[in-house]
């Protein structure tokens, strides 16, 4: 019943920008912890950025600090990842994830804390 749908991926040159969207549905709680994770071929899945939709906080991986921004819409059912100054090493499949836990949740970067996952959207950064 819970569904996460990513969109906004594509191909961009080094230094360019992309904005990813994650539409969430089926959650019974008004707030959530959600995040973006990515996985490149031959590499482990890693956290990118996370957010508590009840008003923060946000957490960023060191590799994207200052370049990426996670945010949400007013209805708190969509999260975004604004990616600026993209680098070839950002190339990966980007996944939206949610904890789906009631009450306050801390948006940890630990992958195992997230229980629901989207199918992913491909981001390719070329030089």
N, C-alpha and C. Protein backbone atom coordinates (compact mmCIF):
# COMPACT_ATOMS: atom_id res chain seq x y z
N UNK A 1 0.82 -1.20 0.00
CA UNK A 1 0.00 0.00 0.00
C UNK A 1 0.86 1.26 0.00
N UNK A 2 1.94 1.23 0.75
CA UNK A 2 2.88 2.35 0.74
C UNK A 2 3.59 2.36 -0.61
N UNK A 3 3.70 3.53 -1.17
CA UNK A 3 4.33 3.66 -2.47
C UNK A 3 5.17 4.92 -2.51
N UNK A 4 6.38 4.78 -3.00
CA UNK A 4 7.28 5.90 -3.23
C UNK A 4 7.65 5.91 -4.69
N UNK A 5 7.51 7.05 -5.32
CA UNK A 5 7.77 7.17 -6.75
C UNK A 5 8.74 8.31 -7.01
N UNK A 6 9.91 7.97 -7.52
CA UNK A 6 10.91 8.98 -7.85
C UNK A 6 10.75 9.45 -9.28
N UNK A 7 11.15 10.68 -9.51
CA UNK A 7 11.19 11.23 -10.85
C UNK A 7 12.22 12.35 -10.89
N UNK A 8 12.58 12.75 -12.08
CA UNK A 8 13.48 13.88 -12.26
C UNK A 8 14.89 13.53 -12.64
N UNK A 9 15.20 12.25 -12.70
CA UNK A 9 16.54 11.86 -13.10
C UNK A 9 16.78 12.14 -14.57
N UNK A 10 18.03 12.06 -14.95
CA UNK A 10 18.40 12.31 -16.33
C UNK A 10 19.89 12.43 -16.47
N UNK A 11 20.30 12.94 -17.60
CA UNK A 11 21.72 13.13 -17.91
C UNK A 11 22.05 14.61 -17.92
N UNK A 12 23.18 14.93 -17.33
CA UNK A 12 23.61 16.32 -17.25
C UNK A 12 25.13 16.35 -17.30
N UNK A 13 25.66 17.46 -17.73
CA UNK A 13 27.10 17.63 -17.77
C UNK A 13 27.63 18.06 -16.41
N UNK A 14 28.91 17.84 -16.21
CA UNK A 14 29.56 18.26 -14.98
C UNK A 14 29.27 19.73 -14.69
N UNK A 15 28.90 20.00 -13.45
CA UNK A 15 28.56 21.36 -13.05
C UNK A 15 27.10 21.71 -13.19
N UNK A 16 26.34 20.83 -13.81
CA UNK A 16 24.93 21.08 -14.01
C UNK A 16 24.10 20.74 -12.79
N UNK A 17 22.79 20.85 -12.96
CA UNK A 17 21.86 20.65 -11.86
C UNK A 17 20.71 19.75 -12.28
N UNK A 18 20.18 19.04 -11.31
CA UNK A 18 18.97 18.26 -11.46
C UNK A 18 18.15 18.38 -10.20
N UNK A 19 16.85 18.22 -10.33
CA UNK A 19 15.95 18.24 -9.19
C UNK A 19 15.13 16.95 -9.19
N UNK A 20 15.34 16.12 -8.20
CA UNK A 20 14.62 14.88 -8.06
C UNK A 20 13.39 15.07 -7.18
N UNK A 21 12.34 14.34 -7.48
CA UNK A 21 11.13 14.38 -6.69
C UNK A 21 10.76 12.98 -6.24
N UNK A 22 10.19 12.88 -5.06
CA UNK A 22 9.70 11.63 -4.53
C UNK A 22 8.29 11.84 -4.01
N UNK A 23 7.33 11.24 -4.66
CA UNK A 23 5.94 11.33 -4.23
C UNK A 23 5.62 10.12 -3.36
N UNK A 24 5.18 10.39 -2.15
CA UNK A 24 4.88 9.33 -1.19
C UNK A 24 3.37 9.20 -1.00
N UNK A 25 2.92 7.99 -0.86
CA UNK A 25 1.51 7.74 -0.61
C UNK A 25 1.36 6.50 0.27
N UNK A 26 0.23 6.42 0.96
CA UNK A 26 -0.08 5.25 1.74
C UNK A 26 0.38 5.28 3.18
N UNK A 27 1.04 6.34 3.61
CA UNK A 27 1.47 6.44 5.00
C UNK A 27 0.33 6.91 5.88
N UNK A 28 0.24 6.35 7.06
CA UNK A 28 -0.83 6.69 7.99
C UNK A 28 -0.45 7.78 8.97
N UNK A 29 0.80 8.15 9.02
CA UNK A 29 1.28 9.18 9.94
C UNK A 29 1.45 10.50 9.20
N UNK A 30 1.26 11.58 9.94
CA UNK A 30 1.33 12.89 9.33
C UNK A 30 2.75 13.34 9.04
N UNK A 31 3.70 12.78 9.75
CA UNK A 31 5.10 13.11 9.53
C UNK A 31 5.89 11.84 9.30
N UNK A 32 7.08 12.02 8.81
CA UNK A 32 7.88 10.88 8.42
C UNK A 32 9.35 11.30 8.37
N UNK A 33 10.21 10.32 8.38
CA UNK A 33 11.59 10.55 8.02
C UNK A 33 11.80 9.96 6.63
N UNK A 34 12.32 10.77 5.75
CA UNK A 34 12.52 10.35 4.39
C UNK A 34 13.92 10.73 3.95
N UNK A 35 14.37 10.09 2.91
CA UNK A 35 15.72 10.38 2.46
C UNK A 35 15.98 9.94 1.04
N UNK A 36 17.11 10.39 0.56
CA UNK A 36 17.61 10.00 -0.74
C UNK A 36 18.89 9.20 -0.56
N UNK A 37 18.96 8.10 -1.27
CA UNK A 37 20.11 7.22 -1.26
C UNK A 37 20.50 6.95 -2.70
N UNK A 38 21.73 6.55 -2.90
CA UNK A 38 22.16 6.29 -4.26
C UNK A 38 23.07 5.07 -4.30
N UNK A 39 23.09 4.45 -5.46
CA UNK A 39 23.94 3.29 -5.65
C UNK A 39 24.48 3.30 -7.07
N UNK A 40 25.78 3.27 -7.17
CA UNK A 40 26.46 3.18 -8.45
C UNK A 40 26.85 1.73 -8.71
N UNK A 41 27.01 1.35 -9.97
CA UNK A 41 27.40 -0.02 -10.27
C UNK A 41 28.69 -0.42 -9.56
N UNK A 42 28.66 -1.56 -8.91
CA UNK A 42 29.83 -2.05 -8.20
C UNK A 42 30.07 -1.43 -6.85
N UNK A 43 29.19 -0.56 -6.41
CA UNK A 43 29.35 0.10 -5.12
C UNK A 43 28.16 -0.19 -4.22
N UNK A 44 28.37 -0.02 -2.93
CA UNK A 44 27.30 -0.17 -1.97
C UNK A 44 26.37 1.03 -2.01
N UNK A 45 25.13 0.78 -1.64
CA UNK A 45 24.18 1.88 -1.54
C UNK A 45 24.60 2.80 -0.41
N UNK A 46 24.51 4.10 -0.64
CA UNK A 46 24.92 5.07 0.35
C UNK A 46 23.88 6.16 0.51
N UNK A 47 23.85 6.72 1.71
CA UNK A 47 22.94 7.82 1.99
C UNK A 47 23.44 9.09 1.32
N UNK A 48 22.49 9.91 0.90
CA UNK A 48 22.78 11.20 0.30
C UNK A 48 22.29 12.33 1.20
N UNK A 49 21.01 12.32 1.51
CA UNK A 49 20.41 13.35 2.35
C UNK A 49 19.12 12.83 2.92
N UNK A 50 18.80 13.27 4.13
CA UNK A 50 17.59 12.82 4.81
C UNK A 50 16.90 14.01 5.47
N UNK A 51 15.62 13.83 5.78
CA UNK A 51 14.84 14.91 6.36
C UNK A 51 13.73 14.36 7.24
N UNK A 52 13.46 15.05 8.34
CA UNK A 52 12.27 14.81 9.12
C UNK A 52 11.20 15.77 8.60
N UNK A 53 10.10 15.24 8.09
CA UNK A 53 9.10 16.06 7.42
C UNK A 53 8.24 16.88 8.38
N UNK A 54 8.41 16.69 9.67
CA UNK A 54 7.72 17.50 10.65
C UNK A 54 8.38 18.83 10.93
N UNK A 55 9.42 19.15 10.21
CA UNK A 55 10.09 20.44 10.38
C UNK A 55 11.59 20.32 10.55
N UNK A 56 12.16 19.28 10.00
CA UNK A 56 13.59 19.06 10.12
C UNK A 56 13.90 18.20 11.32
N UNK A 57 15.12 17.92 11.54
CA UNK A 57 16.32 18.41 10.85
C UNK A 57 16.56 17.72 9.52
N UNK A 58 17.59 18.17 8.84
CA UNK A 58 18.08 17.50 7.66
C UNK A 58 19.50 17.03 7.93
N UNK A 59 19.88 15.98 7.26
CA UNK A 59 21.21 15.42 7.41
C UNK A 59 21.76 15.14 6.01
N UNK A 60 23.04 15.47 5.82
CA UNK A 60 23.67 15.29 4.52
C UNK A 60 24.92 14.45 4.63
N UNK A 61 25.15 13.65 3.63
CA UNK A 61 26.42 12.97 3.51
C UNK A 61 27.51 13.99 3.23
N UNK A 62 28.70 13.73 3.73
CA UNK A 62 29.80 14.67 3.53
C UNK A 62 30.07 14.94 2.05
N UNK A 63 29.86 13.94 1.22
CA UNK A 63 30.18 14.07 -0.18
C UNK A 63 29.29 15.04 -0.94
N UNK A 64 28.15 15.40 -0.37
CA UNK A 64 27.21 16.28 -1.08
C UNK A 64 26.93 17.57 -0.34
N UNK A 65 27.51 17.76 0.83
CA UNK A 65 27.28 18.98 1.59
C UNK A 65 27.68 20.21 0.77
N UNK A 66 26.81 21.19 0.77
CA UNK A 66 27.07 22.41 0.02
C UNK A 66 26.65 22.34 -1.42
N UNK A 67 26.31 21.16 -1.92
CA UNK A 67 25.90 21.01 -3.31
C UNK A 67 24.45 20.56 -3.45
N UNK A 68 24.01 19.69 -2.54
CA UNK A 68 22.66 19.14 -2.61
C UNK A 68 21.80 19.72 -1.49
N UNK A 69 20.51 19.84 -1.75
CA UNK A 69 19.56 20.31 -0.75
C UNK A 69 18.32 19.44 -0.78
N UNK A 70 17.94 18.91 0.37
CA UNK A 70 16.71 18.14 0.47
C UNK A 70 15.62 19.04 1.04
N UNK A 71 14.42 18.91 0.51
CA UNK A 71 13.30 19.74 0.95
C UNK A 71 12.01 18.98 0.75
N UNK A 72 10.90 19.58 1.16
CA UNK A 72 9.60 18.96 1.05
C UNK A 72 8.57 19.98 0.60
N UNK A 73 7.45 19.48 0.11
CA UNK A 73 6.37 20.38 -0.25
C UNK A 73 5.52 20.69 0.97
N UNK A 74 4.55 21.59 0.79
CA UNK A 74 3.73 22.01 1.92
C UNK A 74 2.86 20.90 2.49
N UNK A 75 2.47 19.97 1.66
CA UNK A 75 1.62 18.87 2.09
C UNK A 75 2.42 17.75 2.76
N UNK A 76 3.72 17.84 2.71
CA UNK A 76 4.62 16.87 3.32
C UNK A 76 4.50 15.48 2.70
N UNK A 77 4.00 15.41 1.50
CA UNK A 77 3.89 14.13 0.84
C UNK A 77 4.86 13.98 -0.33
N UNK A 78 5.67 14.98 -0.54
CA UNK A 78 6.67 14.94 -1.59
C UNK A 78 7.98 15.52 -1.06
N UNK A 79 9.06 14.85 -1.31
CA UNK A 79 10.37 15.37 -0.97
C UNK A 79 11.17 15.57 -2.25
N UNK A 80 12.07 16.52 -2.20
CA UNK A 80 12.87 16.88 -3.35
C UNK A 80 14.34 16.79 -3.00
N UNK A 81 15.12 16.60 -4.01
CA UNK A 81 16.56 16.69 -3.87
C UNK A 81 17.08 17.59 -4.98
N UNK A 82 17.47 18.80 -4.61
CA UNK A 82 18.07 19.72 -5.55
C UNK A 82 19.56 19.44 -5.59
N UNK A 83 20.05 19.07 -6.74
CA UNK A 83 21.44 18.70 -6.91
C UNK A 83 22.12 19.72 -7.81
N UNK A 84 23.07 20.43 -7.25
CA UNK A 84 23.82 21.43 -7.98
C UNK A 84 25.28 21.03 -8.04
N UNK A 85 26.00 21.66 -8.94
CA UNK A 85 27.43 21.39 -9.10
C UNK A 85 27.72 19.90 -9.21
N UNK A 86 26.97 19.26 -10.05
CA UNK A 86 27.08 17.81 -10.17
C UNK A 86 28.43 17.39 -10.72
N UNK A 87 28.88 16.26 -10.23
CA UNK A 87 30.16 15.68 -10.61
C UNK A 87 29.94 14.29 -11.19
N UNK A 88 30.86 13.81 -12.00
CA UNK A 88 30.71 12.46 -12.54
C UNK A 88 30.54 11.40 -11.45
N UNK A 89 31.16 11.59 -10.31
CA UNK A 89 31.03 10.63 -9.22
C UNK A 89 29.64 10.63 -8.58
N UNK A 90 28.79 11.58 -8.96
CA UNK A 90 27.41 11.57 -8.51
C UNK A 90 26.55 10.62 -9.35
N UNK A 91 27.10 10.11 -10.42
CA UNK A 91 26.36 9.19 -11.28
C UNK A 91 25.96 7.95 -10.49
N UNK A 92 24.66 7.66 -10.48
CA UNK A 92 24.13 6.54 -9.71
C UNK A 92 22.63 6.46 -9.94
N UNK A 93 22.07 5.37 -9.47
CA UNK A 93 20.63 5.29 -9.34
C UNK A 93 20.25 5.87 -7.99
N UNK A 94 19.36 6.82 -7.99
CA UNK A 94 18.95 7.50 -6.76
C UNK A 94 17.61 6.95 -6.31
N UNK A 95 17.56 6.57 -5.04
CA UNK A 95 16.38 5.97 -4.46
C UNK A 95 15.81 6.86 -3.37
N UNK A 96 14.51 6.97 -3.36
CA UNK A 96 13.80 7.60 -2.27
C UNK A 96 13.44 6.54 -1.25
N UNK A 97 13.53 6.88 0.03
CA UNK A 97 13.21 5.93 1.08
C UNK A 97 12.49 6.64 2.22
N UNK A 98 11.75 5.86 2.99
CA UNK A 98 11.01 6.39 4.13
C UNK A 98 11.05 5.40 5.28
N UNK A 99 11.08 5.93 6.49
CA UNK A 99 11.03 5.08 7.66
C UNK A 99 9.63 4.54 7.91
N UNK A 100 8.62 5.40 7.73
CA UNK A 100 7.25 5.01 7.99
C UNK A 100 6.96 4.76 9.46
N UNK A 101 7.58 5.54 10.33
CA UNK A 101 7.45 5.39 11.77
C UNK A 101 6.64 6.56 12.32
N UNK A 102 5.68 6.25 13.19
CA UNK A 102 4.87 7.29 13.81
C UNK A 102 5.64 8.07 14.85
N UNK A 103 5.15 9.27 15.13
CA UNK A 103 5.83 10.13 16.08
C UNK A 103 7.10 10.71 15.50
N UNK A 104 7.91 11.24 16.39
CA UNK A 104 9.16 11.84 15.93
C UNK A 104 10.14 10.76 15.53
N UNK A 105 10.84 11.00 14.46
CA UNK A 105 11.91 10.13 14.03
C UNK A 105 13.11 10.98 13.66
N UNK A 106 14.27 10.48 13.98
CA UNK A 106 15.47 11.19 13.60
C UNK A 106 15.89 10.70 12.21
N UNK A 107 16.12 11.60 11.27
CA UNK A 107 16.45 11.19 9.90
C UNK A 107 17.90 10.73 9.79
N UNK A 108 18.17 9.58 10.34
CA UNK A 108 19.51 9.03 10.31
C UNK A 108 19.94 8.69 8.89
N UNK A 109 21.24 8.67 8.68
CA UNK A 109 21.78 8.29 7.39
C UNK A 109 21.91 6.78 7.21
N UNK A 110 21.68 6.03 8.26
CA UNK A 110 21.82 4.58 8.20
C UNK A 110 20.74 3.97 7.31
N UNK A 111 21.17 3.23 6.32
CA UNK A 111 20.24 2.64 5.35
C UNK A 111 19.22 1.74 6.00
N UNK A 112 19.65 0.97 6.99
CA UNK A 112 18.77 -0.01 7.62
C UNK A 112 17.63 0.62 8.40
N UNK A 113 17.69 1.92 8.64
CA UNK A 113 16.62 2.60 9.36
C UNK A 113 15.40 2.85 8.49
N UNK A 114 15.55 2.69 7.21
CA UNK A 114 14.47 2.99 6.27
C UNK A 114 13.79 1.71 5.80
N UNK A 115 12.48 1.73 5.82
CA UNK A 115 11.69 0.53 5.61
C UNK A 115 10.99 0.46 4.26
N UNK A 116 10.85 1.59 3.60
CA UNK A 116 10.15 1.63 2.32
C UNK A 116 11.02 2.31 1.29
N UNK A 117 11.01 1.75 0.10
CA UNK A 117 11.90 2.21 -0.95
C UNK A 117 11.19 2.35 -2.27
N UNK A 118 11.58 3.37 -3.02
CA UNK A 118 11.12 3.51 -4.38
C UNK A 118 11.95 2.67 -5.33
N UNK A 119 11.61 2.75 -6.60
CA UNK A 119 12.29 1.95 -7.61
C UNK A 119 13.55 2.59 -8.15
N UNK A 120 13.73 3.86 -7.88
CA UNK A 120 14.94 4.54 -8.28
C UNK A 120 14.80 5.33 -9.56
N UNK A 121 15.64 6.33 -9.70
CA UNK A 121 15.72 7.12 -10.91
C UNK A 121 17.19 7.35 -11.23
N UNK A 122 17.54 7.21 -12.48
CA UNK A 122 18.93 7.25 -12.88
C UNK A 122 19.42 8.68 -13.06
N UNK A 123 20.57 8.95 -12.50
CA UNK A 123 21.26 10.22 -12.69
C UNK A 123 22.62 9.93 -13.29
N UNK A 124 22.89 10.55 -14.41
CA UNK A 124 24.16 10.37 -15.09
C UNK A 124 24.80 11.73 -15.31
N UNK A 125 26.02 11.88 -14.83
CA UNK A 125 26.76 13.13 -14.97
C UNK A 125 27.99 12.84 -15.82
N UNK A 126 28.09 13.52 -16.93
CA UNK A 126 29.19 13.31 -17.86
C UNK A 126 30.11 14.52 -17.85
N UNK A 127 31.35 14.27 -18.21
CA UNK A 127 32.34 15.34 -18.29
C UNK A 127 32.48 15.89 -19.69
